[in-house]
Structure formats: C-alpha cells, structure tokens
C-alpha cells in the first residue's frame, strides 16, 4: 500500500492534484485544508497517503498532516461514510473545529457541512465521540483560522458564491485579498483582488 508520496506538484485543483514521483504521475484526492497548504505548481510536495482499494479502482487520498489522515480514517470507519464524503467533511471543517463538534454533539455545526445530513451527523457523534479522545488536536485558538468577516467582506463573499465559487475557497480568497493589502479596500477593489487570487 502507498502510505507516503514525495515529489513535484504537476497539477493543482481544489480537491485533486497530480504528483510527479520519478516520472510517474500520481492522482491524489485532497481536502481543501491540504490544498491551501500546498505550494505552487512545480514545487516539491510531500503527502501522507491513504490508499483506498475497490474491485474496480485504486484511489489515493492525500493529507499534509498525519493528524488529518488519522481523522480521515476515523471518519471513513463510520457506517455510510466513504472516502469522498470523508474528504468533503474535512474540506468543510478543519480538524481543530471538527473534533470538538463531534465530541460536544454539535449537530447544527456538523450538518452545516455540505453532504452531511442529520442522520450522518448523529452517526459521527455516536461512533466517534469516544474514539476521538485519543486524537490530539491543536486548540482552535492556535489552529490556522480566519478572523470574523466585516459586512463588506460578507458582501464580497456573497457575490463570489453567486458566481459559483465554493464558500470555503471564496472565504480564503477574501481574507487573503484584504490581508495582502494591509488597508481597507472598497467593495470593487476587494472583489477584483479576490477574483485575481481565485484565478491563480
């Protein structure tokens, strides 16, 4: 089984990348949290890998941190949650938010993740609440996160979502656009900068 890949980043999309390892291109599915940690195309990349084998396919799922891979394995041990939904869950909420939400039976928070209904959220809590006691997490306050949005940020975010961008990706772009400038931008300037980042 493939457990680790180290190579060059050939292609990069929000949930999928291709890693060149000695001339062989490996297609790897990743959560958004890992996507944001990756460098630009052409840069070296190292990933912890979960290999999923089915009768008709072999799929690789990659994670920048071992903790993220461990949580993914916990998620996919829950009945009804396959690797794709596991990636979706990790894309919707980082480890530092997800583990406390499960431990605290926060169904409202869990069902805010796309693809997670009430029954799935309940299964996550019932099957993982005790198991996750073994998983060390970075406290939420020290985990990489996003500061609250101002009304202007919310307006730009809403506009980007209306254009078809995923909320998590749009949020990151808006935060980065405002942080890069170090000054208060108009709606138009913030929108333009966010779109430029999303186009990269």
C-alpha atoms as a PDB file:
ATOM      1  CA  UNK A   1       0.000   0.000   0.000  1.00  0.00           C
ATOM      2  CA  UNK A   2       1.145   3.552  -0.705  1.00  0.00           C
ATOM      3  CA  UNK A   3       1.438   5.463   2.599  1.00  0.00           C
ATOM      4  CA  UNK A   4       3.552   8.488   1.588  1.00  0.00           C
ATOM      5  CA  UNK A   5       4.426  10.403  -1.572  1.00  0.00           C
ATOM      6  CA  UNK A   6       7.256  12.869  -2.129  1.00  0.00           C
ATOM      7  CA  UNK A   7       7.664  14.514  -5.499  1.00  0.00           C
ATOM      8  CA  UNK A   8       6.845  17.554  -7.627  1.00  0.00           C
ATOM      9  CA  UNK A   9       3.427  19.152  -7.915  1.00  0.00           C
ATOM     10  CA  UNK A  10       2.338  18.792 -11.552  1.00  0.00           C
ATOM     11  CA  UNK A  11      -1.285  19.933 -11.373  1.00  0.00           C
ATOM     12  CA  UNK A  12      -3.339  21.533  -8.623  1.00  0.00           C
ATOM     13  CA  UNK A  13      -7.114  21.822  -8.227  1.00  0.00           C
ATOM     14  CA  UNK A  14      -9.103  22.398  -5.020  1.00  0.00           C
ATOM     15  CA  UNK A  15      -9.816  18.708  -4.385  1.00  0.00           C
ATOM     16  CA  UNK A  16      -7.324  16.947  -6.638  1.00  0.00           C
ATOM     17  CA  UNK A  17      -3.651  17.146  -7.524  1.00  0.00           C
ATOM     18  CA  UNK A  18      -1.127  15.213  -9.588  1.00  0.00           C
ATOM     19  CA  UNK A  19       2.255  14.488  -8.022  1.00  0.00           C
ATOM     20  CA  UNK A  20       5.228  13.546 -10.219  1.00  0.00           C
ATOM     21  CA  UNK A  21       7.322  10.930  -8.415  1.00  0.00           C
ATOM     22  CA  UNK A  22      10.361   9.953 -10.511  1.00  0.00           C
ATOM     23  CA  UNK A  23       8.442  10.381 -13.758  1.00  0.00           C
ATOM     24  CA  UNK A  24       5.219   8.712 -12.595  1.00  0.00           C
ATOM     25  CA  UNK A  25       2.189  10.963 -12.074  1.00  0.00           C
ATOM     26  CA  UNK A  26       0.005  10.038  -9.104  1.00  0.00           C
ATOM     27  CA  UNK A  27      -3.524  11.460  -8.995  1.00  0.00           C
ATOM     28  CA  UNK A  28      -4.371  12.277  -5.389  1.00  0.00           C
ATOM     29  CA  UNK A  29      -7.678  13.477  -3.925  1.00  0.00           C
ATOM     30  CA  UNK A  30      -7.172  16.046  -1.140  1.00  0.00           C
ATOM     31  CA  UNK A  31      -9.296  18.113   1.268  1.00  0.00           C
ATOM     32  CA  UNK A  32      -9.333  21.905   0.923  1.00  0.00           C
ATOM     33  CA  UNK A  33      -7.260  22.243   4.103  1.00  0.00           C
ATOM     34  CA  UNK A  34      -4.395  20.404   2.374  1.00  0.00           C
ATOM     35  CA  UNK A  35      -4.931  22.381  -0.863  1.00  0.00           C
ATOM     36  CA  UNK A  36      -4.234  25.644   0.997  1.00  0.00           C
ATOM     37  CA  UNK A  37      -1.012  24.208   2.443  1.00  0.00           C
ATOM     38  CA  UNK A  38       0.440  23.285  -0.952  1.00  0.00           C
ATOM     39  CA  UNK A  39       2.862  25.495  -2.837  1.00  0.00           C
ATOM     40  CA  UNK A  40       2.654  26.451  -6.478  1.00  0.00           C
ATOM     41  CA  UNK A  41       2.740  24.006  -9.404  1.00  0.00           C
ATOM     42  CA  UNK A  42       6.325  22.837  -9.920  1.00  0.00           C
ATOM     43  CA  UNK A  43       7.201  22.986  -6.229  1.00  0.00           C
ATOM     44  CA  UNK A  44       8.182  19.923  -4.177  1.00  0.00           C
ATOM     45  CA  UNK A  45       5.347  18.290  -2.230  1.00  0.00           C
ATOM     46  CA  UNK A  46       5.138  15.644   0.495  1.00  0.00           C
ATOM     47  CA  UNK A  47       1.875  13.978   1.433  1.00  0.00           C
ATOM     48  CA  UNK A  48       0.662  11.330   3.855  1.00  0.00           C
ATOM     49  CA  UNK A  49      -1.384   8.925   1.727  1.00  0.00           C
ATOM     50  CA  UNK A  50      -4.417   6.756   2.391  1.00  0.00           C
ATOM     51  CA  UNK A  51      -4.804   4.075  -0.307  1.00  0.00           C
ATOM     52  CA  UNK A  52      -8.387   3.022  -0.969  1.00  0.00           C
ATOM     53  CA  UNK A  53      -8.792  -0.218  -2.914  1.00  0.00           C
ATOM     54  CA  UNK A  54     -12.034  -1.281  -4.576  1.00  0.00           C
ATOM     55  CA  UNK A  55     -12.755  -4.078  -7.019  1.00  0.00           C
ATOM     56  CA  UNK A  56     -12.691  -1.685  -9.954  1.00  0.00           C
ATOM     57  CA  UNK A  57     -10.323   1.061  -8.806  1.00  0.00           C
ATOM     58  CA  UNK A  58      -7.424   2.138  -6.628  1.00  0.00           C
ATOM     59  CA  UNK A  59      -7.686   5.686  -5.279  1.00  0.00           C
ATOM     60  CA  UNK A  60      -5.161   7.793  -3.357  1.00  0.00           C
ATOM     61  CA  UNK A  61      -6.172  10.366  -0.737  1.00  0.00           C
ATOM     62  CA  UNK A  62      -3.500  12.802   0.451  1.00  0.00           C
ATOM     63  CA  UNK A  63      -3.018  14.903   3.584  1.00  0.00           C
ATOM     64  CA  UNK A  64      -0.352  17.388   4.647  1.00  0.00           C
ATOM     65  CA  UNK A  65      -0.593  16.350   8.306  1.00  0.00           C
ATOM     66  CA  UNK A  66      -0.680  12.900   9.842  1.00  0.00           C
ATOM     67  CA  UNK A  67      -3.401  14.103  12.233  1.00  0.00           C
ATOM     68  CA  UNK A  68      -5.640  14.909   9.271  1.00  0.00           C
ATOM     69  CA  UNK A  69      -5.044  11.456   7.790  1.00  0.00           C
ATOM     70  CA  UNK A  70      -5.896   9.833  11.122  1.00  0.00           C
ATOM     71  CA  UNK A  71      -9.153  11.774  11.359  1.00  0.00           C
ATOM     72  CA  UNK A  72      -9.991  10.795   7.771  1.00  0.00           C
ATOM     73  CA  UNK A  73      -9.524   7.123   8.731  1.00  0.00           C
ATOM     74  CA  UNK A  74     -11.826   7.604  11.715  1.00  0.00           C
ATOM     75  CA  UNK A  75     -14.444   9.287   9.521  1.00  0.00           C
ATOM     76  CA  UNK A  76     -14.417   6.537   6.913  1.00  0.00           C
ATOM     77  CA  UNK A  77     -14.830   3.898   9.636  1.00  0.00           C
ATOM     78  CA  UNK A  78     -18.325   5.283  10.276  1.00  0.00           C
ATOM     79  CA  UNK A  79     -21.075   3.359   8.505  1.00  0.00           C
ATOM     80  CA  UNK A  80     -22.305   5.228   5.434  1.00  0.00           C
ATOM     81  CA  UNK A  81     -19.241   7.469   5.111  1.00  0.00           C
ATOM     82  CA  UNK A  82     -16.945   6.653   2.213  1.00  0.00           C
ATOM     83  CA  UNK A  83     -13.673   8.323   1.225  1.00  0.00           C
ATOM     84  CA  UNK A  84     -15.346  11.013  -0.922  1.00  0.00           C
ATOM     85  CA  UNK A  85     -17.644  12.144   1.882  1.00  0.00           C
ATOM     86  CA  UNK A  86     -14.706  11.945   4.294  1.00  0.00           C
ATOM     87  CA  UNK A  87     -12.796  14.412   2.095  1.00  0.00           C
ATOM     88  CA  UNK A  88     -15.896  16.631   1.851  1.00  0.00           C
ATOM     89  CA  UNK A  89     -16.209  16.705   5.649  1.00  0.00           C
ATOM     90  CA  UNK A  90     -12.536  17.645   6.088  1.00  0.00           C
ATOM     91  CA  UNK A  91     -12.946  20.305   3.391  1.00  0.00           C
ATOM     92  CA  UNK A  92     -15.916  21.799   5.237  1.00  0.00           C
ATOM     93  CA  UNK A  93     -14.283  21.945   8.660  1.00  0.00           C
ATOM     94  CA  UNK A  94     -10.683  21.706   9.852  1.00  0.00           C
ATOM     95  CA  UNK A  95      -9.523  19.198  12.468  1.00  0.00           C
ATOM     96  CA  UNK A  96      -9.493  21.767  15.288  1.00  0.00           C
ATOM     97  CA  UNK A  97     -13.189  22.525  14.648  1.00  0.00           C
ATOM     98  CA  UNK A  98     -14.430  19.080  13.661  1.00  0.00           C
ATOM     99  CA  UNK A  99     -13.164  17.079  16.640  1.00  0.00           C
ATOM    100  CA  UNK A 100     -14.810  19.354  19.284  1.00  0.00           C
ATOM    101  CA  UNK A 101     -18.045  19.443  17.227  1.00  0.00           C
ATOM    102  CA  UNK A 102     -18.220  15.637  17.331  1.00  0.00           C
ATOM    103  CA  UNK A 103     -17.201  15.403  20.996  1.00  0.00           C
ATOM    104  CA  UNK A 104     -19.781  18.016  22.014  1.00  0.00           C
ATOM    105  CA  UNK A 105     -22.632  16.507  19.962  1.00  0.00           C
ATOM    106  CA  UNK A 106     -22.911  19.756  17.972  1.00  0.00           C
ATOM    107  CA  UNK A 107     -25.285  18.504  15.269  1.00  0.00           C
ATOM    108  CA  UNK A 108     -26.021  22.015  13.994  1.00  0.00           C
ATOM    109  CA  UNK A 109     -22.322  22.595  13.276  1.00  0.00           C
ATOM    110  CA  UNK A 110     -21.880  19.182  11.673  1.00  0.00           C
ATOM    111  CA  UNK A 111     -24.934  19.483   9.419  1.00  0.00           C
ATOM    112  CA  UNK A 112     -23.597  22.816   8.129  1.00  0.00           C
ATOM    113  CA  UNK A 113     -21.063  20.766   6.143  1.00  0.00           C
ATOM    114  CA  UNK A 114     -22.297  20.064   2.580  1.00  0.00           C
ATOM    115  CA  UNK A 115     -23.400  16.439   2.210  1.00  0.00           C
ATOM    116  CA  UNK A 116     -23.825  15.830   5.952  1.00  0.00           C
ATOM    117  CA  UNK A 117     -27.453  15.352   6.988  1.00  0.00           C
ATOM    118  CA  UNK A 118     -28.820  14.890  10.493  1.00  0.00           C
ATOM    119  CA  UNK A 119     -28.559  11.072  10.427  1.00  0.00           C
ATOM    120  CA  UNK A 120     -24.948  11.181   9.234  1.00  0.00           C
ATOM    121  CA  UNK A 121     -24.095  13.763  11.903  1.00  0.00           C
ATOM    122  CA  UNK A 122     -25.709  11.570  14.578  1.00  0.00           C
ATOM    123  CA  UNK A 123     -23.703   8.542  13.397  1.00  0.00           C
ATOM    124  CA  UNK A 124     -20.486  10.602  13.538  1.00  0.00           C
ATOM    125  CA  UNK A 125     -21.190  11.525  17.150  1.00  0.00           C
ATOM    126  CA  UNK A 126     -22.287   8.046  18.285  1.00  0.00           C
ATOM    127  CA  UNK A 127     -19.442   6.157  16.597  1.00  0.00           C
ATOM    128  CA  UNK A 128     -16.566   8.634  17.040  1.00  0.00           C
ATOM    129  CA  UNK A 129     -17.146  10.623  20.222  1.00  0.00           C
ATOM    130  CA  UNK A 130     -15.179   8.204  22.405  1.00  0.00           C
ATOM    131  CA  UNK A 131     -12.611   7.206  19.776  1.00  0.00           C
ATOM    132  CA  UNK A 132     -11.588  10.818  19.174  1.00  0.00           C
ATOM    133  CA  UNK A 133     -10.465  11.114  22.776  1.00  0.00           C
ATOM    134  CA  UNK A 134      -7.227   9.503  21.574  1.00  0.00           C
ATOM    135  CA  UNK A 135      -6.703  12.078  18.832  1.00  0.00           C
ATOM    136  CA  UNK A 136      -4.666  15.086  19.936  1.00  0.00           C
ATOM    137  CA  UNK A 137      -5.772  18.305  18.303  1.00  0.00           C
ATOM    138  CA  UNK A 138      -4.371  21.794  18.053  1.00  0.00           C
ATOM    139  CA  UNK A 139      -6.594  24.097  20.145  1.00  0.00           C
ATOM    140  CA  UNK A 140      -8.930  26.129  17.980  1.00  0.00           C
ATOM    141  CA  UNK A 141      -7.358  29.406  19.044  1.00  0.00           C
ATOM    142  CA  UNK A 142      -3.916  28.335  17.796  1.00  0.00           C
ATOM    143  CA  UNK A 143      -5.085  26.482  14.716  1.00  0.00           C
ATOM    144  CA  UNK A 144      -4.824  28.301  11.398  1.00  0.00           C
ATOM    145  CA  UNK A 145      -8.174  30.018  11.097  1.00  0.00           C
ATOM    146  CA  UNK A 146      -9.979  33.028   9.750  1.00  0.00           C
ATOM    147  CA  UNK A 147     -10.962  36.160  11.596  1.00  0.00           C
ATOM    148  CA  UNK A 148     -14.610  37.267  11.521  1.00  0.00           C
ATOM    149  CA  UNK A 149     -15.839  38.972   8.361  1.00  0.00           C
ATOM    150  CA  UNK A 150     -16.898  42.598   8.193  1.00  0.00           C
ATOM    151  CA  UNK A 151     -20.114  43.448   6.346  1.00  0.00           C
ATOM    152  CA  UNK A 152     -18.085  44.419   3.281  1.00  0.00           C
ATOM    153  CA  UNK A 153     -16.277  41.082   3.359  1.00  0.00           C
ATOM    154  CA  UNK A 154     -19.648  39.341   3.649  1.00  0.00           C
ATOM    155  CA  UNK A 155     -20.928  41.238   0.607  1.00  0.00           C
ATOM    156  CA  UNK A 156     -17.900  40.223  -1.472  1.00  0.00           C
ATOM    157  CA  UNK A 157     -18.187  36.631  -0.248  1.00  0.00           C
ATOM    158  CA  UNK A 158     -21.864  36.534  -1.194  1.00  0.00           C
ATOM    159  CA  UNK A 159     -21.046  37.878  -4.666  1.00  0.00           C
ATOM    160  CA  UNK A 160     -18.338  35.224  -5.187  1.00  0.00           C
ATOM    161  CA  UNK A 161     -20.679  32.425  -4.086  1.00  0.00           C
ATOM    162  CA  UNK A 162     -23.292  33.749  -6.532  1.00  0.00           C
ATOM    163  CA  UNK A 163     -20.630  33.479  -9.231  1.00  0.00           C
ATOM    164  CA  UNK A 164     -20.325  29.773  -8.448  1.00  0.00           C
ATOM    165  CA  UNK A 165     -17.277  29.604  -6.160  1.00  0.00           C
ATOM    166  CA  UNK A 166     -17.360  27.235  -3.176  1.00  0.00           C
ATOM    167  CA  UNK A 167     -17.843  29.104   0.104  1.00  0.00           C
ATOM    168  CA  UNK A 168     -14.644  27.824   1.761  1.00  0.00           C
ATOM    169  CA  UNK A 169     -12.497  28.760  -1.249  1.00  0.00           C
ATOM    170  CA  UNK A 170     -14.157  32.174  -1.561  1.00  0.00           C
ATOM    171  CA  UNK A 171     -13.643  32.897   2.160  1.00  0.00           C
ATOM    172  CA  UNK A 172      -9.924  32.191   1.908  1.00  0.00           C
ATOM    173  CA  UNK A 173      -9.579  34.415  -1.145  1.00  0.00           C
ATOM    174  CA  UNK A 174     -11.391  37.338   0.511  1.00  0.00           C
ATOM    175  CA  UNK A 175      -9.278  37.055   3.676  1.00  0.00           C
ATOM    176  CA  UNK A 176      -6.048  36.822   1.693  1.00  0.00           C
ATOM    177  CA  UNK A 177      -7.038  39.753  -0.528  1.00  0.00           C
ATOM    178  CA  UNK A 178      -7.674  42.006   2.461  1.00  0.00           C
ATOM    179  CA  UNK A 179      -4.576  40.803   4.352  1.00  0.00           C
ATOM    180  CA  UNK A 180      -2.310  41.316   1.335  1.00  0.00           C
ATOM    181  CA  UNK A 181      -3.279  44.968   1.019  1.00  0.00           C
ATOM    182  CA  UNK A 182      -2.907  45.946   4.672  1.00  0.00           C
ATOM    183  CA  UNK A 183      -5.524  48.639   4.159  1.00  0.00           C
ATOM    184  CA  UNK A 184      -9.288  48.986   3.889  1.00  0.00           C
ATOM    185  CA  UNK A 185     -10.391  48.314   0.313  1.00  0.00           C
ATOM    186  CA  UNK A 186     -13.555  49.372  -1.438  1.00  0.00           C
ATOM    187  CA  UNK A 187     -16.037  46.650  -2.397  1.00  0.00           C
ATOM    188  CA  UNK A 188     -14.882  46.833  -6.037  1.00  0.00           C
ATOM    189  CA  UNK A 189     -11.163  46.637  -5.169  1.00  0.00           C
ATOM    190  CA  UNK A 190     -11.672  43.758  -2.729  1.00  0.00           C
ATOM    191  CA  UNK A 191     -13.818  41.905  -5.269  1.00  0.00           C
ATOM    192  CA  UNK A 192     -11.229  42.407  -8.024  1.00  0.00           C
ATOM    193  CA  UNK A 193      -8.330  41.255  -5.819  1.00  0.00           C
ATOM    194  CA  UNK A 194     -10.306  38.198  -4.643  1.00  0.00           C
ATOM    195  CA  UNK A 195     -11.101  37.227  -8.223  1.00  0.00           C
ATOM    196  CA  UNK A 196      -7.441  37.553  -9.171  1.00  0.00           C
ATOM    197  CA  UNK A 197      -6.470  35.171  -6.364  1.00  0.00           C
ATOM    198  CA  UNK A 198      -9.193  32.703  -7.338  1.00  0.00           C
ATOM    199  CA  UNK A 199      -7.990  32.753 -10.948  1.00  0.00           C
ATOM    200  CA  UNK A 200      -4.488  31.595  -9.948  1.00  0.00           C
END
